[in-house]
Amino acid sequence: MARNCKFDNHWNGGIISFFLQTERANHSLLNSHITRDTCVDHRVAQLLEEKYIGISGHINYRKHPGMMRRSQSPLPAKLVNAIRLLLEKYPVTSLVTKTSKLVRYLNHRQPPLDTAELSQRAKDIEAKIFAEEGDKFAKLSSVELEDVLEAHRKNILSKLRKTVYHWKPMQYDAYTSFIYLLGRMAPDFSISKRDSDFRPTSVFHHGSKVGAGIWASNNIWSTIGEHYCVDECMHMNTIARLLLQDGNEQERVMAIKGVHFRNFSPSPKQNKFSLVVCAYNLMEQPSHEDRSQLVQDLWEMTESYLVLIEIGTGAGFKLVDEAKETLLQISNQVNPENPLHGHVFSPCPHDKPCPKLKEKNQPCLMECSMRNVDFTKKNTSETPKSFQRYSYVIMKKGPRAGEDTAWPRVLQRVKAQKHTHCHLCLPCGKLQHVIISKAKYEKHLYSCARYVDQGDFLPVSLISDPDADSPAEAHSHSLETDMQNQQDSGQSEDSSSRTKCFDGDNSYTLTADIDGDPLRIGPKSNETILAPFSVK
């Protein structure tokens, strides 16, 4: 969604209240701090009043600039017909039954443990056994002790096997590749264009599987001249190629031109691509070192954007977060002009550790709706809407533009009758719980908050404020005191409304100008080019 628009200086403002939730260092006591003077971004309000008024004269807040959700993308008819032709060789009913089993297995996979982690788990088990049975070893002779210790080692290994996930790489033959086609084509197919200025000419698909990413990206960008697809499974490559040939081996002309299939990755130093996508392939790497090397190679091949996607579980998020930290570490070690320098483009509005994981010990997952195609029926029909969870990160080459004016990302929205709870991830790297009331808060912000959902932005401006109070001073204000001050205050509000959030030595102020002075709006660049391949 494009955000580079021209606005006039005009503001129809009011008073807003936010409920700011922060956590103490001991992680056991939460203090609440309320600020009253926050408004929707100045120029967003102007845009809403000029461009989003419907026939009835009411503003359509469903399309405000912070909305980043995707519409449901049905599978192309050409792709559906090709899948039907390929499935004629197999009994579809049997495939559908085994599809559910495969999907469940993929969703419960865990990454392999490193040697250090295995060793630590073995030591923990050994310490527990010695704590329970330590007295038995004291009275044994050396010969008896050797036999007991051997049995003790076997006992440790036995218990270790019961507590460790037995990881092994996925091996697909022709039959299981067709099962994957039925179970994962719809969730893997979807793409969302949010950077209107981005026009990729080449895309590298690492772990391309049955080629869902090829169809999805081609559905959005007509400028792509090359799709370089790499997958170790030749059966997956064969199915992906046949789908592009309308399911007919004799068809020489592909539905999408410029597609190349390989079993091994090209040299990262000699090959560059506008867009690099690695979908559900970090889990296939046998160790942390292999994952780190893969991510570095993909980053080196990237010209603009790198997209990493994994399953929507704690294990999938752990791998994505690990890859993100690896890339940020590389970026921090080079100067901004270096080709390896970059920043997090989405979903985080910052380059700091995930606050949801840090403060709540919870993975940050996204969820979208999807509709698959029911191939058990002769006539093409969609299955009932279901929901797909995923974890992803989009890295962009180059320094972050306008970091101090980014908008907060919505992690969760709870809609009540006359107020809305918004759980936000702020550009200062903190979580914020905002309660926006219909009776007390400014109309634009309240109405925008009613329609945002997970992954959207709340269009308020965050700018640096060097004169902000310290976090300790902000925490000292209680909810009752702040509400009493609001009732006792008879003075008019300042020409700008503001509320503060804190991040160590840095502080940010949510500001909206009422007098018509120029004010910076949200992120300068158009946000997020691509969302994971999932259908809403």
Protein backbone atom coordinates (compact mmCIF):
# COMPACT_ATOMS: atom_id res chain seq x y z
CA MET A 1 0.00 0.00 0.00
CA ALA A 2 1.48 3.29 -1.03
CA ARG A 3 1.99 5.90 1.64
CA ASN A 4 3.74 8.67 -0.30
CA CYS A 5 0.84 11.11 -0.56
CA LYS A 6 0.59 14.90 -0.48
CA PHE A 7 -1.35 16.52 2.31
CA ASP A 8 -2.42 20.05 3.24
CA ASN A 9 -1.78 21.36 6.75
CA HIS A 10 -5.07 20.92 8.53
CA TRP A 11 -6.07 19.18 11.73
CA ASN A 12 -9.34 18.47 13.40
CA GLY A 13 -8.04 17.27 16.74
CA GLY A 14 -9.06 16.24 20.20
CA ILE A 15 -7.82 14.61 23.38
CA ILE A 16 -6.78 10.98 23.49
CA SER A 17 -5.86 8.62 26.30
CA PHE A 18 -3.53 5.70 26.07
CA PHE A 19 -2.92 3.00 28.61
CA LEU A 20 0.80 2.34 28.63
CA GLN A 21 1.85 -1.02 29.99
CA THR A 22 5.49 -1.44 31.00
CA GLU A 23 7.31 -4.10 32.98
CA ARG A 24 9.70 -3.67 35.90
CA ALA A 25 13.17 -5.19 35.88
CA ASN A 26 12.09 -8.06 38.15
CA HIS A 27 9.38 -9.04 35.62
CA SER A 28 6.92 -9.57 38.46
CA LEU A 29 5.12 -6.24 38.84
CA LEU A 30 3.47 -4.25 36.06
CA ASN A 31 2.96 -0.51 36.46
CA SER A 32 0.49 1.37 34.33
CA HIS A 33 1.03 4.86 33.04
CA ILE A 34 -1.75 6.81 31.29
CA THR A 35 -1.26 9.81 29.05
CA ARG A 36 -4.15 11.84 27.69
CA ASP A 37 -2.76 13.86 24.82
CA THR A 38 -2.31 11.66 21.77
CA CYS A 39 -3.90 11.95 18.34
CA VAL A 40 -3.89 10.16 15.05
CA ASP A 41 -1.19 11.45 12.73
CA HIS A 42 -1.87 14.99 11.49
CA ARG A 43 -1.70 14.22 7.79
CA VAL A 44 -3.52 10.90 8.14
CA ALA A 45 -6.47 12.83 9.55
CA GLN A 46 -6.31 15.17 6.57
CA LEU A 47 -6.19 12.24 4.17
CA LEU A 48 -9.16 10.57 5.83
CA GLU A 49 -11.27 13.73 5.65
CA GLU A 50 -10.45 14.39 2.01
CA LYS A 51 -9.98 11.02 0.31
CA TYR A 52 -11.95 8.42 2.27
CA ILE A 53 -15.43 9.94 2.49
CA GLY A 54 -18.05 7.62 1.02
CA ILE A 55 -21.31 8.35 -0.76
CA SER A 56 -23.14 8.63 2.57
CA GLY A 57 -20.73 11.33 3.72
CA HIS A 58 -19.10 9.12 6.37
CA ILE A 59 -15.38 8.39 6.45
CA ASN A 60 -14.42 4.84 5.45
CA TYR A 61 -11.88 3.92 8.11
CA ARG A 62 -11.50 0.39 6.73
CA LYS A 63 -8.98 1.75 4.23
CA HIS A 64 -6.92 4.07 6.40
CA PRO A 65 -3.15 4.20 5.63
CA GLY A 66 -2.26 1.88 8.51
CA MET A 67 -4.17 -1.07 7.05
CA MET A 68 -1.81 -3.76 5.80
CA ARG A 69 -4.08 -6.78 5.53
CA ARG A 70 -4.37 -8.78 2.35
CA SER A 71 -7.48 -9.84 0.52
CA GLN A 72 -8.04 -13.53 -0.01
CA SER A 73 -6.19 -14.66 -3.11
CA PRO A 74 -7.77 -17.62 -4.89
CA LEU A 75 -5.51 -20.02 -6.73
CA PRO A 76 -5.31 -19.12 -10.45
CA ALA A 77 -7.70 -21.16 -12.60
CA LYS A 78 -4.80 -22.29 -14.78
CA LEU A 79 -3.00 -23.66 -11.74
CA VAL A 80 -6.12 -25.42 -10.43
CA ASN A 81 -6.69 -27.12 -13.81
CA ALA A 82 -3.06 -28.25 -13.94
CA ILE A 83 -3.32 -29.75 -10.45
CA ARG A 84 -6.46 -31.67 -11.46
CA LEU A 85 -4.67 -33.17 -14.46
CA LEU A 86 -1.73 -34.29 -12.33
CA LEU A 87 -3.98 -35.84 -9.71
CA GLU A 88 -5.75 -38.07 -12.22
CA LYS A 89 -3.03 -40.69 -11.66
CA TYR A 90 -3.82 -41.02 -7.95
CA PRO A 91 -7.01 -41.61 -5.91
CA VAL A 92 -7.69 -38.12 -4.54
CA THR A 93 -9.66 -39.33 -1.52
CA SER A 94 -6.69 -41.36 -0.30
CA LEU A 95 -4.37 -38.42 -0.86
CA VAL A 96 -6.59 -36.04 1.14
CA THR A 97 -6.56 -38.41 4.12
CA LYS A 98 -2.77 -38.60 4.13
CA THR A 99 -2.51 -34.84 3.55
CA SER A 100 -3.85 -34.08 7.04
CA LYS A 101 -1.28 -36.42 8.56
CA LEU A 102 1.59 -34.78 6.67
CA VAL A 103 0.47 -31.25 7.60
CA ARG A 104 0.24 -32.20 11.29
CA TYR A 105 3.71 -33.70 11.15
CA LEU A 106 5.18 -30.58 9.51
CA ASN A 107 3.53 -28.32 12.10
CA HIS A 108 5.00 -30.29 15.00
CA ARG A 109 8.57 -30.45 13.78
CA GLN A 110 11.41 -29.15 15.94
CA PRO A 111 14.90 -28.05 14.86
CA PRO A 112 17.85 -30.32 15.69
CA LEU A 113 19.69 -29.67 18.94
CA ASP A 114 23.34 -28.65 18.86
CA THR A 115 26.01 -30.74 20.58
CA ALA A 116 26.27 -28.22 23.43
CA GLU A 117 22.52 -28.38 24.09
CA LEU A 118 22.53 -32.19 24.07
CA SER A 119 25.48 -32.25 26.45
CA GLN A 120 23.76 -29.85 28.84
CA ARG A 121 20.57 -31.91 28.86
CA ALA A 122 22.58 -35.07 29.60
CA LYS A 123 24.33 -33.29 32.50
CA ASP A 124 20.98 -32.16 33.92
CA ILE A 125 19.63 -35.72 33.79
CA GLU A 126 22.80 -37.07 35.38
CA ALA A 127 22.66 -34.50 38.18
CA LYS A 128 19.05 -35.44 38.90
CA ILE A 129 19.88 -39.14 39.04
CA PHE A 130 22.86 -38.58 41.36
CA ALA A 131 20.69 -36.43 43.64
CA GLU A 132 18.19 -39.31 43.95
CA GLU A 133 20.60 -42.28 44.00
CA GLY A 134 23.96 -40.81 45.02
CA ASP A 135 24.20 -42.83 48.24
CA LYS A 136 24.31 -46.12 46.30
CA PHE A 137 27.66 -45.28 44.69
CA ALA A 138 29.52 -44.47 47.92
CA LYS A 139 29.67 -48.05 49.26
CA LEU A 140 30.58 -49.87 46.03
CA SER A 141 33.98 -51.35 45.17
CA SER A 142 35.84 -50.25 42.06
CA VAL A 143 34.73 -53.32 40.06
CA GLU A 144 31.11 -52.96 41.13
CA LEU A 145 31.26 -49.21 40.54
CA GLU A 146 32.39 -49.70 36.93
CA ASP A 147 29.39 -51.96 36.21
CA VAL A 148 27.00 -49.58 37.92
CA LEU A 149 28.37 -46.58 36.04
CA GLU A 150 27.91 -48.41 32.71
CA ALA A 151 24.27 -49.07 33.59
CA HIS A 152 24.07 -45.47 34.75
CA ARG A 153 25.24 -44.19 31.35
CA LYS A 154 22.67 -46.33 29.57
CA ASN A 155 19.99 -44.97 31.89
CA ILE A 156 21.00 -41.40 31.04
CA LEU A 157 20.95 -42.09 27.29
CA SER A 158 17.57 -43.77 27.59
CA LYS A 159 16.04 -40.81 29.39
CA LEU A 160 17.76 -38.39 26.99
CA ARG A 161 16.18 -40.11 23.97
CA LYS A 162 12.75 -39.74 25.55
CA THR A 163 13.13 -35.97 26.04
CA VAL A 164 14.85 -35.01 22.75
CA TYR A 165 13.08 -34.55 19.43
CA HIS A 166 14.49 -36.97 16.87
CA TRP A 167 15.08 -34.61 13.96
CA LYS A 168 15.71 -35.87 10.47
CA PRO A 169 15.50 -34.06 7.12
CA MET A 170 12.31 -34.42 5.10
CA GLN A 171 12.60 -36.88 2.23
CA TYR A 172 9.92 -36.61 -0.46
CA ASP A 173 9.32 -39.24 -3.12
CA ALA A 174 6.87 -38.78 -6.00
CA TYR A 175 3.84 -39.87 -3.96
CA THR A 176 4.57 -37.74 -0.87
CA SER A 177 5.31 -34.80 -3.18
CA PHE A 178 1.73 -35.02 -4.46
CA ILE A 179 0.50 -35.18 -0.86
CA TYR A 180 2.48 -32.00 -0.16
CA LEU A 181 0.95 -30.40 -3.27
CA LEU A 182 -2.56 -30.95 -1.91
CA GLY A 183 -1.76 -29.92 1.66
CA ARG A 184 0.51 -26.91 1.18
CA MET A 185 -0.20 -25.26 -2.18
CA ALA A 186 -2.92 -22.94 -0.86
CA PRO A 187 -1.09 -21.94 2.38
CA ASP A 188 2.14 -21.37 0.44
CA PHE A 189 0.39 -19.28 -2.22
CA SER A 190 -0.08 -15.64 -1.38
CA ILE A 191 1.85 -12.49 -1.74
CA SER A 192 1.07 -8.93 -0.76
CA LYS A 193 2.39 -5.86 -2.53
CA ARG A 194 2.92 -2.97 -0.13
CA ASP A 195 5.80 -1.12 -1.72
CA SER A 196 4.38 0.35 -4.90
CA ASP A 197 7.83 1.50 -6.04
CA PHE A 198 9.40 -1.95 -5.79
CA ARG A 199 9.49 -3.79 -9.12
CA PRO A 200 11.68 -6.90 -8.93
CA THR A 201 13.26 -8.22 -12.09
CA SER A 202 14.56 -11.49 -10.61
CA VAL A 203 13.44 -13.74 -7.75
CA PHE A 204 15.43 -16.51 -6.05
CA HIS A 205 13.25 -19.20 -4.44
CA HIS A 206 15.29 -21.28 -1.99
CA GLY A 207 13.28 -24.36 -1.12
CA SER A 208 10.77 -23.73 -3.92
CA LYS A 209 8.86 -27.01 -3.30
CA VAL A 210 5.90 -27.25 -5.73
CA GLY A 211 6.38 -23.69 -7.00
CA ALA A 212 3.66 -21.81 -5.10
CA GLY A 213 5.97 -18.79 -4.75
CA ILE A 214 6.41 -18.61 -8.54
CA TRP A 215 2.68 -18.28 -9.16
CA ALA A 216 2.20 -15.89 -6.25
CA SER A 217 4.95 -13.45 -7.21
CA ASN A 218 3.99 -13.56 -10.89
CA ASN A 219 0.42 -12.73 -9.86
CA ILE A 220 1.65 -9.44 -8.36
CA TRP A 221 4.65 -8.29 -10.42
CA SER A 222 4.74 -8.31 -14.21
CA THR A 223 8.33 -7.05 -14.20
CA ILE A 224 9.89 -10.37 -13.11
CA GLY A 225 12.00 -11.81 -15.89
CA GLU A 226 13.69 -14.64 -13.99
CA HIS A 227 12.60 -17.15 -11.34
CA TYR A 228 15.59 -19.15 -10.07
CA CYS A 229 14.20 -22.10 -8.09
CA VAL A 230 16.32 -24.40 -5.94
CA ASP A 231 15.06 -27.54 -4.23
CA GLU A 232 17.03 -30.68 -3.42
CA CYS A 233 14.05 -32.92 -4.21
CA MET A 234 13.85 -33.63 -7.94
CA HIS A 235 10.23 -34.82 -7.56
CA MET A 236 9.22 -31.39 -6.22
CA ASN A 237 10.96 -29.70 -9.15
CA THR A 238 9.20 -32.04 -11.59
CA ILE A 239 5.75 -31.26 -10.16
CA ALA A 240 6.49 -27.53 -10.17
CA ARG A 241 7.56 -27.72 -13.81
CA LEU A 242 4.50 -29.77 -14.84
CA LEU A 243 2.18 -27.24 -13.19
CA LEU A 244 3.75 -24.54 -15.35
CA GLN A 245 3.18 -26.77 -18.39
CA ASP A 246 -0.57 -27.05 -17.68
CA GLY A 247 -0.05 -30.56 -16.32
CA ASN A 248 1.08 -31.83 -19.73
CA GLU A 249 4.59 -33.26 -20.16
CA GLN A 250 4.43 -32.63 -23.91
CA GLU A 251 3.70 -28.91 -23.48
CA ARG A 252 6.88 -26.99 -24.25
CA VAL A 253 5.70 -23.46 -23.44
CA MET A 254 5.43 -22.68 -19.73
CA ALA A 255 2.63 -20.53 -18.32
CA ILE A 256 5.28 -18.31 -16.70
CA LYS A 257 8.44 -17.52 -18.61
CA GLY A 258 11.97 -17.36 -17.27
CA VAL A 259 11.65 -20.17 -14.70
CA HIS A 260 14.75 -22.28 -13.98
CA PHE A 261 14.95 -25.30 -11.67
CA ARG A 262 18.11 -26.47 -9.93
CA ASN A 263 18.99 -28.92 -7.17
CA PHE A 264 21.79 -26.81 -5.69
CA SER A 265 22.19 -23.13 -4.83
CA PRO A 266 24.27 -20.86 -7.07
CA SER A 267 27.36 -19.00 -5.92
CA PRO A 268 26.33 -16.06 -3.68
CA LYS A 269 29.25 -13.94 -4.93
CA GLN A 270 28.36 -14.26 -8.61
CA ASN A 271 24.54 -14.20 -8.48
CA LYS A 272 22.33 -11.35 -7.30
CA PHE A 273 18.52 -11.21 -7.18
CA SER A 274 16.08 -8.38 -6.54
CA LEU A 275 14.07 -10.55 -4.17
CA VAL A 276 15.19 -13.66 -2.27
CA VAL A 277 12.61 -15.95 -0.62
CA CYS A 278 13.36 -18.84 1.73
CA ALA A 279 10.09 -20.51 2.71
CA TYR A 280 9.94 -23.32 5.29
CA ASN A 281 13.54 -24.34 4.69
CA LEU A 282 15.39 -23.23 7.84
CA MET A 283 13.95 -26.27 9.62
CA GLU A 284 15.68 -28.54 7.10
CA GLN A 285 19.18 -27.43 8.09
CA PRO A 286 21.01 -29.97 10.32
CA SER A 287 22.71 -27.49 12.66
CA HIS A 288 22.93 -23.90 13.80
CA GLU A 289 26.12 -23.42 11.75
CA ASP A 290 24.37 -24.60 8.58
CA ARG A 291 21.41 -22.28 9.20
CA SER A 292 23.72 -19.34 9.83
CA GLN A 293 25.72 -20.02 6.66
CA LEU A 294 22.54 -20.38 4.60
CA VAL A 295 21.15 -17.07 5.86
CA GLN A 296 24.44 -15.28 5.16
CA ASP A 297 24.58 -16.69 1.61
CA LEU A 298 20.99 -15.63 0.92
CA TRP A 299 21.70 -12.14 2.29
CA GLU A 300 24.75 -11.84 0.05
CA MET A 301 22.61 -12.72 -3.00
CA THR A 302 19.97 -10.14 -2.06
CA GLU A 303 19.78 -6.80 -3.84
CA SER A 304 16.68 -5.39 -2.13
CA TYR A 305 14.60 -7.73 0.05
CA LEU A 306 15.14 -11.07 1.79
CA VAL A 307 12.03 -12.92 3.02
CA LEU A 308 12.34 -15.75 5.57
CA ILE A 309 9.21 -17.76 6.42
CA GLU A 310 8.67 -20.65 8.83
CA ILE A 311 5.77 -22.54 10.38
CA GLY A 312 3.69 -20.68 12.95
CA THR A 313 4.97 -22.43 16.07
CA GLY A 314 7.43 -21.59 18.80
CA ALA A 315 10.07 -23.65 16.99
CA GLY A 316 9.47 -21.83 13.71
CA PHE A 317 9.64 -18.43 15.40
CA LYS A 318 12.88 -19.41 17.14
CA LEU A 319 14.53 -20.12 13.78
CA VAL A 320 13.28 -16.88 12.19
CA ASP A 321 14.36 -14.83 15.21
CA GLU A 322 17.77 -16.53 15.16
CA ALA A 323 18.19 -15.68 11.47
CA LYS A 324 17.11 -12.10 12.08
CA GLU A 325 19.68 -11.63 14.84
CA THR A 326 22.38 -13.15 12.62
CA LEU A 327 21.66 -10.67 9.83
CA LEU A 328 21.44 -7.70 12.21
CA GLN A 329 24.79 -8.68 13.70
CA ILE A 330 26.29 -8.66 10.21
CA SER A 331 24.69 -5.29 9.48
CA ASN A 332 26.01 -3.75 12.70
CA GLN A 333 29.56 -4.79 11.86
CA VAL A 334 29.68 -2.88 8.57
CA ASN A 335 29.17 0.76 7.65
CA PRO A 336 25.85 1.91 6.13
CA GLU A 337 27.39 2.09 2.63
CA ASN A 338 28.39 -1.58 2.72
CA PRO A 339 26.20 -3.88 0.55
CA LEU A 340 25.66 -6.17 3.56
CA HIS A 341 24.12 -3.42 5.69
CA GLY A 342 20.36 -3.68 6.21
CA HIS A 343 17.46 -3.51 8.63
CA VAL A 344 14.22 -5.26 9.56
CA PHE A 345 11.50 -4.15 7.17
CA SER A 346 8.63 -6.22 8.55
CA PRO A 347 6.94 -7.21 10.77
CA CYS A 348 9.01 -5.39 13.42
CA PRO A 349 9.11 -1.56 13.35
CA HIS A 350 12.57 -1.74 14.96
CA ASP A 351 15.89 -3.62 14.86
CA LYS A 352 15.88 -4.61 18.52
CA PRO A 353 15.26 -7.98 20.22
CA CYS A 354 11.66 -9.14 20.07
CA PRO A 355 9.89 -7.49 23.06
CA LYS A 356 7.14 -10.12 23.10
CA LEU A 357 9.70 -12.88 23.54
CA LYS A 358 11.76 -10.83 25.98
CA GLU A 359 8.95 -9.55 28.20
CA LYS A 360 6.31 -12.28 27.90
CA ASN A 361 8.37 -15.27 26.72
CA GLN A 362 5.90 -15.79 23.86
CA PRO A 363 6.61 -16.23 20.14
CA CYS A 364 5.44 -13.47 17.81
CA LEU A 365 3.25 -15.24 15.24
CA MET A 366 0.97 -13.98 12.49
CA GLU A 367 -2.33 -15.51 11.44
CA CYS A 368 -4.28 -15.25 8.22
CA SER A 369 -7.36 -16.86 6.74
CA MET A 370 -7.22 -19.10 3.68
CA ARG A 371 -9.49 -21.15 1.44
CA ASN A 372 -8.18 -24.27 -0.22
CA VAL A 373 -9.67 -25.96 -3.27
CA ASP A 374 -11.66 -29.16 -2.77
CA PHE A 375 -10.20 -31.52 -5.37
CA THR A 376 -12.45 -34.41 -4.32
CA LYS A 377 -15.32 -32.82 -6.27
CA LYS A 378 -15.53 -32.59 -10.04
CA ASN A 379 -16.62 -28.97 -10.01
CA THR A 380 -14.10 -26.51 -8.63
CA SER A 381 -15.21 -25.42 -5.17
CA GLU A 382 -13.45 -23.87 -2.20
CA THR A 383 -13.24 -25.48 1.21
CA PRO A 384 -14.53 -23.59 4.28
CA LYS A 385 -12.30 -20.79 5.49
CA SER A 386 -9.52 -21.88 7.80
CA PHE A 387 -6.66 -20.08 9.54
CA GLN A 388 -2.94 -20.48 8.99
CA ARG A 389 -0.24 -19.36 11.41
CA TYR A 390 3.25 -18.46 10.30
CA SER A 391 6.38 -16.69 11.46
CA TYR A 392 8.35 -14.47 9.11
CA VAL A 393 10.77 -11.62 8.78
CA ILE A 394 11.56 -9.34 5.83
CA MET A 395 15.03 -7.79 5.73
CA LYS A 396 15.81 -4.85 3.48
CA LYS A 397 19.21 -3.73 2.24
CA GLY A 398 20.38 -0.27 3.28
CA PRO A 399 19.85 1.88 6.39
CA ARG A 400 16.42 2.38 7.92
CA ALA A 401 14.67 5.48 6.60
CA GLY A 402 12.90 7.64 9.17
CA GLU A 403 13.15 5.27 12.13
CA ASP A 404 11.96 7.97 14.51
CA THR A 405 8.68 8.39 12.63
CA ALA A 406 7.62 4.74 12.29
CA TRP A 407 4.13 3.66 13.29
CA PRO A 408 3.43 1.04 15.98
CA ARG A 409 2.58 -2.45 14.73
CA VAL A 410 -0.61 -4.09 16.03
CA LEU A 411 0.04 -7.48 17.63
CA GLN A 412 -3.51 -8.05 18.83
CA ARG A 413 -6.79 -6.18 18.88
CA VAL A 414 -9.68 -6.87 21.25
CA LYS A 415 -12.85 -5.09 20.18
CA ALA A 416 -15.41 -4.24 22.87
CA GLN A 417 -18.69 -2.32 22.62
CA LYS A 418 -17.39 1.19 23.25
CA HIS A 419 -13.63 0.76 23.50
CA THR A 420 -10.82 -1.14 21.80
CA HIS A 421 -7.74 -2.81 23.26
CA CYS A 422 -4.68 -2.64 21.01
CA HIS A 423 -1.51 -4.52 21.92
CA LEU A 424 1.30 -2.79 20.05
CA CYS A 425 4.95 -3.28 19.19
CA LEU A 426 6.61 0.14 19.27
CA PRO A 427 9.60 1.43 17.29
CA CYS A 428 11.37 1.92 20.62
CA GLY A 429 11.44 -1.87 21.03
CA LYS A 430 8.77 -2.07 23.75
CA LEU A 431 5.26 -3.44 24.06
CA GLN A 432 2.36 -1.11 24.67
CA HIS A 433 -1.23 -1.86 25.64
CA VAL A 434 -3.56 0.86 24.41
CA ILE A 435 -7.20 1.20 25.48
CA ILE A 436 -9.09 3.57 23.19
CA SER A 437 -12.52 4.61 24.44
CA LYS A 438 -15.33 5.89 22.25
CA ALA A 439 -16.55 8.44 24.80
CA LYS A 440 -13.23 10.02 25.73
CA TYR A 441 -10.84 9.69 22.81
CA GLU A 442 -10.43 11.51 19.53
CA LYS A 443 -12.72 10.20 16.79
CA HIS A 444 -10.12 9.45 14.09
CA LEU A 445 -7.91 7.34 16.35
CA TYR A 446 -10.87 5.52 17.86
CA SER A 447 -12.31 4.71 14.43
CA CYS A 448 -8.94 3.63 13.01
CA ALA A 449 -8.40 1.35 16.02
CA ARG A 450 -11.79 -0.30 15.45
CA TYR A 451 -10.67 -1.66 12.08
CA VAL A 452 -6.99 -2.54 12.59
CA ASP A 453 -6.06 -6.16 13.01
CA GLN A 454 -2.95 -8.20 13.61
CA GLY A 455 -0.10 -6.98 11.40
CA ASP A 456 -1.63 -3.55 10.71
CA PHE A 457 -0.30 -0.18 11.89
CA LEU A 458 -1.91 2.27 14.25
CA PRO A 459 -1.34 5.58 12.41
CA VAL A 460 0.15 7.73 15.18
CA SER A 461 3.47 9.49 14.79
CA LEU A 462 6.45 8.59 16.99
CA ILE A 463 9.22 11.21 17.15
CA SER A 464 12.27 11.57 19.39
CA ASP A 465 11.88 13.67 22.51
CA PRO A 466 15.17 14.47 24.29
CA ASP A 467 13.32 16.26 27.13
CA ALA A 468 11.21 13.24 28.06
CA ASP A 469 10.92 12.19 31.68
CA SER A 470 12.88 9.20 32.88
CA PRO A 471 11.11 5.82 32.99
CA ALA A 472 11.19 5.86 36.78
CA GLU A 473 9.35 9.20 36.85
CA ALA A 474 6.81 7.97 34.32
CA HIS A 475 6.18 4.80 36.35
CA SER A 476 5.57 6.80 39.52
CA HIS A 477 2.30 8.20 38.14
CA SER A 478 -0.61 5.94 39.02
CA LEU A 479 -3.84 5.53 37.11
CA GLU A 480 -5.91 7.19 39.84
CA THR A 481 -3.67 10.26 40.02
CA ASP A 482 -3.72 10.76 36.27
CA MET A 483 -7.51 10.48 36.09
CA GLN A 484 -7.87 12.95 38.96
CA ASN A 485 -5.58 15.42 37.17
CA GLN A 486 -7.74 15.12 34.08
CA GLN A 487 -10.88 15.97 36.07
CA ASP A 488 -9.27 18.90 37.94
CA SER A 489 -7.62 20.44 34.91
CA GLY A 490 -9.47 23.50 33.59
CA GLN A 491 -6.81 24.61 31.18
CA SER A 492 -6.93 24.19 27.44
CA GLU A 493 -4.69 21.65 25.78
CA ASP A 494 -1.40 22.59 24.14
CA SER A 495 -1.23 23.03 20.39
CA SER A 496 0.32 19.55 20.15
CA SER A 497 -0.80 16.37 21.92
CA ARG A 498 1.77 13.87 23.08
CA THR A 499 2.38 10.70 25.05
CA LYS A 500 5.71 9.05 25.84
CA CYS A 501 7.21 5.59 25.76
CA PHE A 502 10.69 4.74 26.95
CA ASP A 503 13.62 2.59 25.88
CA GLY A 504 16.64 3.02 28.13
CA ASP A 505 18.28 6.32 27.26
CA ASN A 506 15.91 6.94 24.35
CA SER A 507 12.33 8.17 24.53
CA TYR A 508 9.68 8.76 21.94
CA THR A 509 6.64 10.99 21.91
CA LEU A 510 3.37 10.35 20.13
CA THR A 511 2.59 13.75 18.66
CA ALA A 512 -0.20 15.30 16.59
CA ASP A 513 -0.13 18.96 15.63
CA ILE A 514 -3.39 20.92 15.97
CA ASP A 515 -2.36 24.37 14.79
CA GLY A 516 -1.41 23.28 11.30
CA ASP A 517 2.39 23.25 11.66
CA PRO A 518 4.24 20.73 9.50
CA LEU A 519 4.58 17.33 11.09
CA ARG A 520 6.34 14.18 9.90
CA ILE A 521 4.12 11.26 9.04
CA GLY A 522 4.70 7.57 9.77
CA PRO A 523 7.40 5.70 7.87
CA LYS A 524 8.81 7.59 4.89
CA SER A 525 9.02 4.57 2.64
CA ASN A 526 6.13 2.41 1.53
CA GLU A 527 5.90 -0.41 4.09
CA THR A 528 6.29 -4.10 3.53
CA ILE A 529 6.48 -5.44 0.04
CA LEU A 530 5.71 -9.00 0.75
CA ALA A 531 3.87 -11.12 3.26
CA PRO A 532 4.40 -14.83 3.69
CA PHE A 533 2.85 -17.13 1.17
CA SER A 534 -0.51 -17.66 2.87
CA VAL A 535 -3.98 -16.93 1.59
CA LYS A 536 -6.28 -14.65 3.53
